[in-house]
N, C-alpha and C. Protein backbone atom coordinates (compact mmCIF):
# COMPACT_ATOMS: atom_id res chain seq x y z
N MET A 1 0.80 -1.26 0.11
CA MET A 1 0.02 0.18 0.23
C MET A 1 0.94 1.39 -0.13
N LYS A 2 1.98 1.24 0.64
CA LYS A 2 3.06 2.26 0.71
C LYS A 2 3.45 2.82 -0.86
N LYS A 3 3.65 1.70 -1.64
CA LYS A 3 4.02 2.01 -3.01
C LYS A 3 3.09 2.63 -3.74
N ILE A 4 1.76 2.42 -3.41
CA ILE A 4 0.90 3.12 -4.33
C ILE A 4 0.69 4.43 -3.84
N ASN A 5 0.71 4.82 -2.46
CA ASN A 5 0.65 6.14 -1.85
C ASN A 5 1.62 6.97 -2.49
N LYS A 6 2.87 6.66 -2.39
CA LYS A 6 3.92 7.45 -2.88
C LYS A 6 3.70 8.30 -4.23
N PRO A 7 3.50 7.32 -5.16
CA PRO A 7 3.33 7.86 -6.48
C PRO A 7 2.11 8.99 -6.66
N ILE A 8 0.91 8.72 -5.88
CA ILE A 8 -0.19 9.36 -5.85
C ILE A 8 0.25 10.64 -5.29
N ILE A 9 1.03 10.65 -4.06
CA ILE A 9 1.43 11.84 -3.53
C ILE A 9 2.13 12.71 -4.30
N ALA A 10 3.19 12.12 -5.03
CA ALA A 10 3.98 12.80 -5.81
C ALA A 10 3.30 13.54 -6.95
N ILE A 11 2.42 12.74 -7.44
CA ILE A 11 1.53 13.52 -8.78
C ILE A 11 0.73 14.63 -8.02
N PHE A 12 0.20 14.32 -6.99
CA PHE A 12 -0.64 15.40 -6.29
C PHE A 12 0.21 16.65 -5.97
N MET A 13 1.58 16.49 -5.57
CA MET A 13 2.15 17.69 -5.14
C MET A 13 2.71 18.27 -6.46
N ALA A 14 3.04 17.65 -7.44
CA ALA A 14 3.33 18.17 -8.67
C ALA A 14 2.21 18.90 -9.30
N LEU A 15 1.00 18.37 -9.29
CA LEU A 15 -0.04 19.34 -9.83
C LEU A 15 -0.31 20.53 -8.84
N ILE A 16 -0.17 20.44 -7.62
CA ILE A 16 -0.25 21.71 -6.85
C ILE A 16 0.70 22.72 -7.16
N THR A 17 1.93 22.41 -7.33
CA THR A 17 3.08 23.32 -7.77
C THR A 17 2.75 23.81 -8.96
N LEU A 18 2.34 22.90 -10.03
CA LEU A 18 2.11 23.49 -11.34
C LEU A 18 0.84 24.49 -11.48
N VAL A 19 -0.11 24.22 -10.67
CA VAL A 19 -1.19 25.27 -10.69
C VAL A 19 -0.78 26.58 -9.93
N SER A 20 -0.01 26.46 -8.79
CA SER A 20 0.35 27.64 -8.28
C SER A 20 1.05 28.63 -9.07
N PHE A 21 2.27 27.81 -9.73
CA PHE A 21 2.96 28.62 -10.65
C PHE A 21 2.27 29.29 -11.93
N THR A 22 1.15 28.63 -12.37
CA THR A 22 0.18 29.02 -13.57
C THR A 22 -0.38 30.30 -13.17
N GLU A 23 -0.97 30.20 -11.94
CA GLU A 23 -1.73 31.28 -11.40
C GLU A 23 -1.08 32.43 -11.05
N CYS A 24 0.33 32.29 -10.60
CA CYS A 24 1.13 33.54 -10.52
C CYS A 24 1.52 34.25 -11.78
N GLY A 25 1.46 33.70 -12.78
CA GLY A 25 2.02 33.99 -13.92
C GLY A 25 0.88 34.74 -14.69
N VAL A 26 -0.30 34.39 -14.49
CA VAL A 26 -1.44 35.02 -15.10
C VAL A 26 -1.77 36.28 -14.62
N LYS A 27 -1.95 37.25 -15.46
CA LYS A 27 -2.43 38.61 -15.33
C LYS A 27 -3.88 38.89 -15.68
N LYS A 28 -4.82 39.04 -14.74
CA LYS A 28 -6.09 39.41 -15.08
C LYS A 28 -6.26 40.88 -15.66
N PRO A 29 -6.90 41.13 -16.72
CA PRO A 29 -6.92 42.41 -17.19
C PRO A 29 -7.55 43.33 -16.01
N LYS A 30 -7.10 44.42 -15.91
CA LYS A 30 -7.44 45.65 -14.92
C LYS A 30 -9.02 46.17 -15.28
N LYS A 31 -9.86 46.36 -14.25
CA LYS A 31 -10.99 47.07 -14.65
C LYS A 31 -10.74 48.46 -14.28
N VAL A 32 -10.78 49.26 -15.29
CA VAL A 32 -10.66 50.55 -15.26
C VAL A 32 -11.88 51.33 -15.63
N LYS A 33 -12.67 51.74 -14.43
CA LYS A 33 -13.89 52.31 -15.15
C LYS A 33 -13.76 53.75 -15.48
N SER A 34 -14.35 54.00 -16.88
CA SER A 34 -14.15 55.29 -17.40
C SER A 34 -15.64 55.78 -17.89
N GLN A 35 -15.61 57.14 -18.13
CA GLN A 35 -16.78 57.65 -18.44
C GLN A 35 -16.68 58.23 -19.77
N LEU A 36 -17.77 58.40 -20.80
CA LEU A 36 -17.48 58.68 -22.02
C LEU A 36 -18.90 59.40 -22.52
N THR A 37 -18.91 60.41 -23.05
CA THR A 37 -19.98 60.95 -23.92
C THR A 37 -20.00 61.28 -25.34
N PHE A 38 -20.67 60.72 -26.25
CA PHE A 38 -20.50 61.24 -27.61
C PHE A 38 -21.79 61.42 -28.17
N SER A 39 -21.78 61.85 -29.47
CA SER A 39 -23.18 62.21 -30.20
C SER A 39 -23.32 60.93 -30.85
N VAL A 40 -24.59 60.61 -31.09
CA VAL A 40 -25.19 59.57 -31.73
C VAL A 40 -26.51 60.01 -32.44
N GLN A 41 -26.71 59.86 -33.74
CA GLN A 41 -28.05 60.25 -34.39
C GLN A 41 -28.95 59.00 -34.12
N GLY A 42 -30.02 59.63 -33.83
CA GLY A 42 -31.38 58.87 -33.69
C GLY A 42 -32.52 59.61 -33.43
N ASN A 43 -33.73 59.08 -33.59
CA ASN A 43 -34.93 59.94 -33.80
C ASN A 43 -36.01 59.57 -32.80
N CYS A 44 -36.10 58.20 -32.36
CA CYS A 44 -37.35 57.79 -31.62
C CYS A 44 -36.89 56.65 -30.63
N ASP A 45 -37.81 56.30 -29.68
CA ASP A 45 -37.73 55.27 -28.56
C ASP A 45 -36.99 54.01 -29.20
N MET A 46 -37.34 53.47 -30.54
CA MET A 46 -36.73 52.25 -31.13
C MET A 46 -35.16 52.61 -31.27
N CYS A 47 -34.72 53.78 -31.57
CA CYS A 47 -33.58 53.86 -31.86
C CYS A 47 -32.72 53.98 -30.61
N LYS A 48 -33.36 54.56 -29.53
CA LYS A 48 -32.81 54.55 -28.19
C LYS A 48 -32.76 53.05 -27.53
N GLU A 49 -33.47 52.24 -27.81
CA GLU A 49 -33.48 50.95 -27.43
C GLU A 49 -32.24 50.20 -28.24
N ARG A 50 -32.20 50.30 -29.54
CA ARG A 50 -31.31 49.92 -30.46
C ARG A 50 -29.92 50.01 -29.83
N ILE A 51 -29.70 51.33 -29.75
CA ILE A 51 -28.27 51.93 -29.31
C ILE A 51 -28.02 51.39 -27.98
N GLU A 52 -28.87 51.55 -27.05
CA GLU A 52 -28.45 50.96 -25.73
C GLU A 52 -28.30 49.44 -25.85
N ASN A 53 -29.17 48.74 -26.37
CA ASN A 53 -28.93 47.19 -26.50
C ASN A 53 -27.48 46.89 -27.18
N ALA A 54 -27.19 47.63 -28.20
CA ALA A 54 -25.99 47.32 -28.79
C ALA A 54 -24.97 47.42 -28.02
N LEU A 55 -24.85 48.40 -27.02
CA LEU A 55 -23.77 48.41 -25.88
C LEU A 55 -23.96 47.69 -24.57
N ASP A 56 -24.94 46.87 -24.84
CA ASP A 56 -24.93 45.75 -23.64
C ASP A 56 -24.08 44.52 -23.85
N VAL A 57 -22.92 44.81 -23.50
CA VAL A 57 -21.89 43.80 -23.82
C VAL A 57 -20.97 43.92 -22.35
N LYS A 58 -20.23 42.82 -22.28
CA LYS A 58 -19.47 42.58 -21.29
C LYS A 58 -18.09 43.76 -21.28
N GLY A 59 -17.96 44.62 -20.16
CA GLY A 59 -17.05 45.58 -20.34
C GLY A 59 -17.78 47.05 -20.27
N VAL A 60 -19.04 47.13 -20.75
CA VAL A 60 -19.71 48.18 -20.75
C VAL A 60 -20.62 47.94 -19.56
N TYR A 61 -20.41 48.97 -18.62
CA TYR A 61 -21.44 48.87 -17.48
C TYR A 61 -22.59 49.52 -17.34
N GLN A 62 -22.68 50.72 -18.19
CA GLN A 62 -23.91 51.37 -18.33
C GLN A 62 -23.75 52.33 -19.45
N ALA A 63 -25.00 52.28 -20.28
CA ALA A 63 -25.10 52.97 -21.50
C ALA A 63 -26.65 53.50 -21.55
N VAL A 64 -26.61 55.02 -21.46
CA VAL A 64 -27.89 55.44 -21.55
C VAL A 64 -27.63 56.71 -22.61
N TYR A 65 -28.85 56.29 -23.66
CA TYR A 65 -28.91 57.26 -24.60
C TYR A 65 -30.02 58.46 -24.34
N ASP A 66 -29.61 59.61 -24.58
CA ASP A 66 -30.13 60.67 -24.31
C ASP A 66 -30.85 61.26 -25.62
N LEU A 67 -32.20 60.74 -25.91
CA LEU A 67 -32.77 61.19 -27.22
C LEU A 67 -32.96 62.61 -27.80
N GLN A 68 -33.36 63.29 -26.67
CA GLN A 68 -33.38 64.89 -26.74
C GLN A 68 -32.04 65.59 -27.31
N ASN A 69 -30.91 65.20 -26.59
CA ASN A 69 -29.69 65.97 -26.79
C ASN A 69 -28.80 65.05 -27.91
N LYS A 70 -29.45 63.86 -28.11
CA LYS A 70 -28.68 62.82 -29.30
C LYS A 70 -27.11 62.54 -28.73
N LYS A 71 -27.08 62.22 -27.24
CA LYS A 71 -25.85 61.93 -26.77
C LYS A 71 -26.01 60.45 -26.11
N ILE A 72 -24.83 59.76 -26.11
CA ILE A 72 -24.87 58.55 -25.40
C ILE A 72 -23.99 58.70 -24.19
N PHE A 73 -24.28 58.17 -23.11
CA PHE A 73 -23.66 58.44 -21.86
C PHE A 73 -23.09 56.95 -21.48
N LEU A 74 -21.90 56.83 -21.39
CA LEU A 74 -21.12 55.31 -21.03
C LEU A 74 -20.31 55.34 -20.00
N VAL A 75 -20.43 54.24 -19.06
CA VAL A 75 -19.51 53.87 -18.08
C VAL A 75 -18.86 52.50 -18.58
N TYR A 76 -17.51 52.43 -18.79
CA TYR A 76 -17.09 51.25 -19.57
C TYR A 76 -15.73 50.85 -18.78
N ASN A 77 -15.23 49.75 -19.26
CA ASN A 77 -13.87 49.29 -18.80
C ASN A 77 -12.78 49.88 -19.98
N SER A 78 -12.22 50.78 -19.74
CA SER A 78 -11.29 51.31 -20.67
C SER A 78 -10.06 50.44 -21.21
N ALA A 79 -9.73 49.69 -20.14
CA ALA A 79 -8.61 48.65 -20.44
C ALA A 79 -9.29 47.44 -21.49
N GLN A 80 -10.48 47.38 -21.77
CA GLN A 80 -10.95 46.57 -22.54
C GLN A 80 -11.21 47.02 -23.81
N PHE A 81 -11.94 48.44 -23.94
CA PHE A 81 -12.30 49.21 -25.17
C PHE A 81 -11.63 50.35 -25.28
N LYS A 82 -11.17 50.49 -26.59
CA LYS A 82 -10.99 51.85 -26.90
C LYS A 82 -12.16 52.63 -27.31
N GLU A 83 -11.91 54.03 -27.28
CA GLU A 83 -13.19 54.80 -27.57
C GLU A 83 -13.81 54.33 -28.99
N ILE A 84 -12.94 54.41 -30.10
CA ILE A 84 -13.32 53.98 -31.47
C ILE A 84 -14.27 52.61 -31.49
N GLN A 85 -14.01 51.74 -30.85
CA GLN A 85 -14.71 50.37 -30.76
C GLN A 85 -15.83 50.80 -30.49
N LEU A 86 -16.27 51.62 -29.39
CA LEU A 86 -17.57 52.13 -28.97
C LEU A 86 -18.44 52.63 -30.09
N HIS A 87 -17.77 53.62 -30.74
CA HIS A 87 -18.36 54.26 -31.87
C HIS A 87 -18.44 53.35 -32.90
N ASN A 88 -17.81 52.20 -33.11
CA ASN A 88 -18.05 51.19 -34.15
C ASN A 88 -19.38 50.24 -33.76
N ILE A 89 -19.23 50.09 -32.29
CA ILE A 89 -20.45 49.13 -31.91
C ILE A 89 -21.78 49.77 -32.35
N VAL A 90 -22.00 51.30 -32.08
CA VAL A 90 -23.10 51.83 -32.48
C VAL A 90 -23.42 52.17 -33.86
N ALA A 91 -22.27 52.36 -34.64
CA ALA A 91 -22.40 52.56 -35.78
C ALA A 91 -22.79 51.11 -36.66
N SER A 92 -22.54 49.95 -36.17
CA SER A 92 -22.84 48.63 -36.48
C SER A 92 -24.27 48.38 -36.77
N VAL A 93 -25.18 49.05 -35.91
CA VAL A 93 -26.50 48.89 -35.83
C VAL A 93 -27.20 49.91 -36.55
N GLY A 94 -26.54 50.92 -37.30
CA GLY A 94 -27.29 51.78 -38.32
C GLY A 94 -27.12 53.18 -37.48
N HIS A 95 -26.38 53.64 -36.73
CA HIS A 95 -26.48 54.94 -36.08
C HIS A 95 -25.25 55.52 -36.18
N ASP A 96 -25.14 56.62 -36.87
CA ASP A 96 -23.86 57.47 -37.02
C ASP A 96 -23.50 58.08 -35.82
N THR A 97 -22.09 57.98 -35.47
CA THR A 97 -21.71 58.72 -34.32
C THR A 97 -21.13 60.04 -34.95
N GLU A 98 -20.16 60.72 -33.87
CA GLU A 98 -19.42 61.87 -34.44
C GLU A 98 -18.22 61.62 -34.87
N LYS A 99 -17.64 60.17 -34.76
CA LYS A 99 -16.61 59.78 -35.50
C LYS A 99 -16.83 58.70 -36.46
N VAL A 100 -17.98 57.82 -36.51
CA VAL A 100 -17.82 56.68 -37.42
C VAL A 100 -19.45 56.84 -38.03
N LYS A 101 -19.42 56.66 -39.43
CA LYS A 101 -20.71 56.81 -39.98
C LYS A 101 -21.25 55.10 -40.35
N ALA A 102 -22.32 55.10 -40.02
CA ALA A 102 -23.10 53.77 -40.14
C ALA A 102 -22.92 53.27 -41.60
N ASP A 103 -22.82 52.00 -41.75
CA ASP A 103 -23.05 51.30 -43.33
C ASP A 103 -24.24 51.72 -43.84
N ASP A 104 -24.18 52.11 -44.93
CA ASP A 104 -25.38 52.42 -45.78
C ASP A 104 -26.50 51.34 -45.83
N LEU A 105 -26.00 50.13 -46.02
CA LEU A 105 -26.81 49.00 -45.94
C LEU A 105 -27.68 48.85 -44.69
N VAL A 106 -26.81 49.00 -43.54
CA VAL A 106 -27.40 48.74 -42.30
C VAL A 106 -28.54 50.16 -41.92
N TYR A 107 -28.13 51.16 -42.14
CA TYR A 107 -28.79 52.30 -42.32
C TYR A 107 -29.93 52.27 -43.17
N ASN A 108 -30.05 51.82 -44.27
CA ASN A 108 -31.22 51.59 -44.99
C ASN A 108 -32.22 50.60 -44.67
N ASN A 109 -31.87 49.78 -43.78
CA ASN A 109 -32.74 48.53 -43.16
C ASN A 109 -33.53 49.14 -41.85
N LEU A 110 -32.88 50.20 -41.51
CA LEU A 110 -33.77 50.69 -40.30
C LEU A 110 -35.13 51.02 -40.62
N PRO A 111 -36.02 50.94 -39.56
CA PRO A 111 -37.43 51.32 -39.91
C PRO A 111 -37.34 52.82 -40.27
N ASP A 112 -38.40 53.16 -41.05
CA ASP A 112 -38.61 54.70 -41.56
C ASP A 112 -38.32 55.70 -40.65
N CYS A 113 -39.11 55.43 -39.43
CA CYS A 113 -39.01 56.57 -38.36
C CYS A 113 -37.76 56.80 -37.78
N CYS A 114 -36.79 55.67 -37.91
CA CYS A 114 -35.47 55.63 -37.38
C CYS A 114 -34.40 56.37 -38.30
N LYS A 115 -34.83 56.69 -39.49
CA LYS A 115 -33.92 57.22 -40.45
C LYS A 115 -33.72 58.81 -40.22
N TYR A 116 -32.50 59.21 -40.22
CA TYR A 116 -32.38 60.77 -39.69
C TYR A 116 -31.50 61.20 -40.59
N ARG A 117 -31.09 60.67 -41.85
CA ARG A 117 -30.05 61.48 -42.61
C ARG A 117 -31.04 62.08 -43.72
N SER A 118 -30.56 63.30 -44.16
CA SER A 118 -31.15 64.14 -45.07
C SER A 118 -30.81 63.50 -46.48
N GLU A 119 -31.37 64.15 -47.79
CA GLU A 119 -30.92 63.85 -48.92
C GLU A 119 -29.51 64.41 -49.23
N ASP A 120 -29.27 65.53 -48.32
CA ASP A 120 -28.19 65.93 -48.74
C ASP A 120 -26.90 65.19 -48.19
N ASP A 121 -27.05 64.31 -47.27
CA ASP A 121 -26.04 63.32 -46.80
C ASP A 121 -25.66 62.34 -47.70
N PHE A 122 -26.23 62.13 -48.68
CA PHE A 122 -26.05 61.08 -49.68
C PHE A 122 -25.04 61.38 -50.74
């Protein structure tokens, strides 16, 4: 019985050592809460819902779209996102921001009440 216990104990100790070294070398990304506000084009409550839902992703802690002022207020992990990525997320659902224009195909598929571009924009 002693012969069986020694190899098991040796394997167990090796695993503990391996796990402890592995955990020491792994760095978890920092959570750096930052705030950001930028302009986003939108017209109605459906726009508001679409914009806020697009930003409902891990690393964005709060996203509130002010329809009247056409601004989005964000609290997010700046170690995880660059500002331009957040603009791109909003543009990906059809809403122009101050830095990124939404793809025309996505924009054209918005409901008519959500379309905000004038003929001069084309």
